[in-house]
Protein backbone atom coordinates (compact mmCIF):
# COMPACT_ATOMS: atom_id res chain seq x y z
CA MET A 1 -27.20 3.24 0.29
CA ILE A 2 -24.75 2.68 -2.57
CA LEU A 3 -25.13 0.33 -5.56
CA VAL A 4 -21.86 -1.07 -7.00
CA ASP A 5 -21.87 -3.78 -9.70
CA GLY A 6 -25.36 -4.89 -8.67
CA TYR A 7 -24.52 -5.09 -4.94
CA TYR A 8 -26.07 -2.79 -2.33
CA PHE A 9 -24.03 -1.32 0.52
CA THR A 10 -25.29 0.58 3.57
CA ARG A 11 -23.43 3.19 5.61
CA HIS A 12 -21.62 1.71 8.61
CA ALA A 13 -18.96 4.01 10.11
CA ALA A 14 -16.95 7.15 9.40
CA SER A 15 -13.36 7.98 10.33
CA GLY A 16 -10.38 9.87 8.97
CA GLY A 17 -12.16 11.36 5.97
CA LYS A 18 -13.55 8.00 4.87
CA MET A 19 -16.99 6.43 5.14
CA ARG A 20 -17.24 2.65 5.43
CA TYR A 21 -20.15 0.82 3.83
CA ARG A 22 -21.09 -2.83 4.45
CA CYS A 23 -22.90 -5.20 2.12
CA CYS A 24 -26.65 -5.25 2.70
CA LYS A 25 -26.33 -9.01 3.24
CA TYR A 26 -23.98 -8.50 6.21
CA ASN A 27 -26.53 -10.11 8.55
CA ILE A 28 -26.26 -13.40 6.67
CA GLY A 29 -22.46 -13.45 6.64
CA CYS A 30 -21.27 -11.32 3.72
CA THR A 31 -18.10 -9.41 4.66
CA ALA A 32 -17.81 -7.28 1.52
CA CYS A 33 -17.25 -3.62 2.22
CA LEU A 34 -16.24 -0.43 0.46
CA TYR A 35 -15.02 2.99 1.46
CA THR A 36 -15.83 6.39 0.05
CA LEU A 37 -13.17 9.08 0.18
CA LEU A 38 -13.59 12.83 0.56
CA ASP A 39 -13.97 13.17 -3.21
CA ASP A 40 -16.83 10.59 -3.15
CA SER A 41 -14.86 8.01 -5.15
CA ALA A 42 -15.27 4.42 -4.01
CA VAL A 43 -12.52 1.98 -3.09
CA VAL A 44 -13.92 -1.54 -3.39
CA LEU A 45 -12.23 -4.18 -1.27
CA ARG A 46 -12.88 -7.24 -3.39
CA PRO A 47 -10.32 -9.89 -4.18
CA THR A 48 -9.02 -10.31 -7.72
CA PHE A 49 -8.28 -13.74 -9.16
CA PHE A 50 -5.85 -14.85 -11.83
CA THR A 51 -4.04 -17.95 -13.06
CA THR A 52 -0.24 -18.24 -13.27
CA GLU A 53 1.62 -19.58 -16.30
CA ILE A 54 1.69 -23.06 -14.73
CA GLY A 55 -2.06 -23.04 -14.00
CA ALA A 56 -2.08 -22.18 -10.29
CA ARG A 57 -5.01 -20.06 -9.06
CA ILE A 58 -3.94 -16.90 -7.21
CA MET A 59 -6.09 -14.41 -5.32
CA LYS A 60 -4.87 -10.87 -4.60
CA LEU A 61 -6.37 -8.72 -1.86
CA ARG A 62 -4.96 -5.45 -0.46
CA GLY A 63 -1.48 -6.14 -1.84
CA TYR A 64 -1.27 -9.69 -0.48
CA CYS A 65 -1.35 -12.81 -2.65
CA TYR A 66 -2.97 -16.09 -1.64
CA THR A 67 -2.84 -19.59 -3.12
CA ARG A 68 -5.76 -21.98 -3.18
CA HIS A 69 -5.34 -24.45 -0.32
CA SER A 70 -8.54 -26.47 -0.12
CA VAL A 71 -11.98 -26.65 -1.70
CA CYS A 72 -15.04 -27.99 0.10
CA SER A 73 -18.27 -27.71 -1.87
CA SER A 74 -18.28 -24.06 -2.99
CA ARG A 75 -16.03 -22.78 -0.15
CA VAL A 76 -12.40 -22.17 -1.02
CA LYS A 77 -9.70 -21.64 1.61
CA TRP A 78 -6.77 -19.46 0.49
CA LEU A 79 -3.39 -19.30 2.27
CA CYS A 80 -0.97 -16.40 2.08
CA VAL A 81 1.84 -17.18 -0.39
CA GLU A 82 4.33 -16.27 2.35
CA ASN A 83 3.01 -18.98 4.69
CA ARG A 84 6.23 -21.00 4.49
CA THR A 85 8.93 -18.40 3.89
CA ASN A 86 7.69 -15.88 6.48
CA ASP A 87 5.60 -18.23 8.65
CA CYS A 88 2.51 -16.19 7.76
CA HIS A 89 -0.81 -17.70 8.88
CA ALA A 90 -3.21 -15.30 7.13
CA ILE A 91 -6.12 -17.01 5.38
CA VAL A 92 -9.17 -15.96 3.38
CA VAL A 93 -12.28 -18.05 2.71
CA THR A 94 -14.39 -17.35 -0.37
CA ILE A 95 -17.61 -18.66 -1.83
CA GLY A 96 -17.51 -17.92 -5.52
CA TYR A 97 -15.99 -14.45 -5.79
CA THR A 98 -17.29 -13.28 -2.40
CA MET A 99 -15.09 -13.17 0.68
CA VAL A 100 -16.90 -14.77 3.63
CA ASP A 101 -14.13 -15.02 6.25
CA ARG A 102 -10.59 -13.80 6.75
CA GLN A 103 -7.90 -13.96 9.35
CA ASN A 104 -5.71 -11.21 8.03
CA LYS A 105 -2.76 -11.10 10.44
CA HIS A 106 0.25 -11.11 8.16
CA THR A 107 3.85 -11.34 9.39
CA HIS A 108 5.15 -9.25 6.47
CA PRO A 109 4.24 -6.06 4.59
CA PRO A 110 2.08 -6.18 1.44
CA ASN A 111 3.61 -6.28 -2.02
CA LEU A 112 2.21 -3.14 -3.63
CA THR A 113 3.78 -3.67 -7.06
């Protein structure tokens, strides 16, 4: 078991020199995960949020950017920013800062800059 920022993760699967850990609340829908590398450093796969100069909320996850599409109660649906220019249908759903669902099939490569 690993503790990161107050969240507990349990070992799930190993492959290619990495170990995948899932959130201890996986059974109730949490999809947060992290990987440990051979040097035991952790790579946390959590989205980051920021606001543009014009006030738009943006979420970045694994090199892809998403814009806020709809809000229902505490659930927020995010669409890939390339949804119109590249006909990308990838979405992410969050509750607070926790990712609860994603359909991550992008039609373009990530922007790693």
